[in-house]
């Protein structure tokens, strides 16, 4: 990561920061996201929210 390296130019440092931010926001896994990446967790949560919304509507329609 950026603190383990020496950068000769600001652009190198900036790219390293961008790479880490991308990793942190999109790839890292942790227990609070059920051991998935943040992106996968958000996708799963969105699908579950949609399903939770549609289920009562389907029950109402098919009654």
C-alpha atoms as a PDB file:
ATOM      1  CA  UNK A   1       0.000   0.000   0.000  1.00  0.00           C
ATOM      2  CA  UNK A   2       0.988   3.635  -0.227  1.00  0.00           C
ATOM      3  CA  UNK A   3       2.619   3.827   3.237  1.00  0.00           C
ATOM      4  CA  UNK A   4       4.937   0.912   2.421  1.00  0.00           C
ATOM      5  CA  UNK A   5       6.374   2.508  -0.706  1.00  0.00           C
ATOM      6  CA  UNK A   6       8.336   5.523  -1.746  1.00  0.00           C
ATOM      7  CA  UNK A   7       6.951   7.463  -4.676  1.00  0.00           C
ATOM      8  CA  UNK A   8       9.058   9.658  -6.913  1.00  0.00           C
ATOM      9  CA  UNK A   9       6.116  11.473  -8.440  1.00  0.00           C
ATOM     10  CA  UNK A  10       2.766  12.600  -7.140  1.00  0.00           C
ATOM     11  CA  UNK A  11       1.009  10.759  -9.989  1.00  0.00           C
ATOM     12  CA  UNK A  12       2.382   7.416  -8.732  1.00  0.00           C
ATOM     13  CA  UNK A  13       1.147   8.167  -5.238  1.00  0.00           C
ATOM     14  CA  UNK A  14      -2.227   9.305  -6.563  1.00  0.00           C
ATOM     15  CA  UNK A  15      -2.662   6.088  -8.565  1.00  0.00           C
ATOM     16  CA  UNK A  16      -1.811   4.014  -5.497  1.00  0.00           C
ATOM     17  CA  UNK A  17      -4.444   5.884  -3.475  1.00  0.00           C
ATOM     18  CA  UNK A  18      -7.039   5.408  -6.236  1.00  0.00           C
ATOM     19  CA  UNK A  19      -6.243   1.701  -6.383  1.00  0.00           C
ATOM     20  CA  UNK A  20      -6.650   1.350  -2.623  1.00  0.00           C
ATOM     21  CA  UNK A  21      -9.924   3.294  -2.575  1.00  0.00           C
ATOM     22  CA  UNK A  22     -11.276   1.034  -5.307  1.00  0.00           C
ATOM     23  CA  UNK A  23     -10.198  -2.044  -3.350  1.00  0.00           C
ATOM     24  CA  UNK A  24     -11.710  -0.708  -0.121  1.00  0.00           C
ATOM     25  CA  UNK A  25     -15.032   0.264  -1.689  1.00  0.00           C
ATOM     26  CA  UNK A  26     -15.486  -2.677  -4.054  1.00  0.00           C
ATOM     27  CA  UNK A  27     -13.367  -5.716  -3.229  1.00  0.00           C
ATOM     28  CA  UNK A  28     -12.533  -6.121   0.455  1.00  0.00           C
ATOM     29  CA  UNK A  29     -14.513  -8.648   2.425  1.00  0.00           C
ATOM     30  CA  UNK A  30     -15.478  -8.457   6.073  1.00  0.00           C
ATOM     31  CA  UNK A  31     -17.789 -10.152   8.522  1.00  0.00           C
ATOM     32  CA  UNK A  32     -20.395  -7.374   8.609  1.00  0.00           C
ATOM     33  CA  UNK A  33     -20.979  -7.858   4.869  1.00  0.00           C
ATOM     34  CA  UNK A  34     -21.393 -11.599   5.424  1.00  0.00           C
ATOM     35  CA  UNK A  35     -17.894 -12.261   4.058  1.00  0.00           C
ATOM     36  CA  UNK A  36     -18.629 -10.796   0.652  1.00  0.00           C
ATOM     37  CA  UNK A  37     -17.350  -7.717  -1.106  1.00  0.00           C
ATOM     38  CA  UNK A  38     -19.282  -4.495  -0.507  1.00  0.00           C
ATOM     39  CA  UNK A  39     -20.530  -4.523  -4.099  1.00  0.00           C
ATOM     40  CA  UNK A  40     -21.839  -8.088  -3.861  1.00  0.00           C
ATOM     41  CA  UNK A  41     -23.424  -7.315  -0.487  1.00  0.00           C
ATOM     42  CA  UNK A  42     -25.245  -4.276  -1.891  1.00  0.00           C
ATOM     43  CA  UNK A  43     -26.448  -6.292  -4.887  1.00  0.00           C
ATOM     44  CA  UNK A  44     -27.771  -9.033  -2.624  1.00  0.00           C
ATOM     45  CA  UNK A  45     -29.394  -6.530  -0.274  1.00  0.00           C
ATOM     46  CA  UNK A  46     -31.084  -4.746  -3.172  1.00  0.00           C
ATOM     47  CA  UNK A  47     -32.462  -7.993  -4.565  1.00  0.00           C
ATOM     48  CA  UNK A  48     -33.739  -8.986  -1.116  1.00  0.00           C
ATOM     49  CA  UNK A  49     -35.401  -5.579  -0.674  1.00  0.00           C
ATOM     50  CA  UNK A  50     -37.115  -5.903  -4.044  1.00  0.00           C
ATOM     51  CA  UNK A  51     -38.300  -9.419  -3.196  1.00  0.00           C
ATOM     52  CA  UNK A  52     -39.574  -8.264   0.186  1.00  0.00           C
ATOM     53  CA  UNK A  53     -41.517  -5.504  -1.550  1.00  0.00           C
ATOM     54  CA  UNK A  54     -42.980  -7.710  -4.271  1.00  0.00           C
ATOM     55  CA  UNK A  55     -44.020 -10.610  -2.034  1.00  0.00           C
ATOM     56  CA  UNK A  56     -46.908  -8.806  -0.273  1.00  0.00           C
ATOM     57  CA  UNK A  57     -48.123  -7.459  -3.608  1.00  0.00           C
ATOM     58  CA  UNK A  58     -48.160 -10.959  -5.099  1.00  0.00           C
ATOM     59  CA  UNK A  59     -50.087 -12.275  -2.084  1.00  0.00           C
ATOM     60  CA  UNK A  60     -52.645  -9.500  -2.474  1.00  0.00           C
ATOM     61  CA  UNK A  61     -53.046 -10.134  -6.219  1.00  0.00           C
ATOM     62  CA  UNK A  62     -53.474 -13.897  -5.812  1.00  0.00           C
ATOM     63  CA  UNK A  63     -55.978 -13.758  -2.985  1.00  0.00           C
END
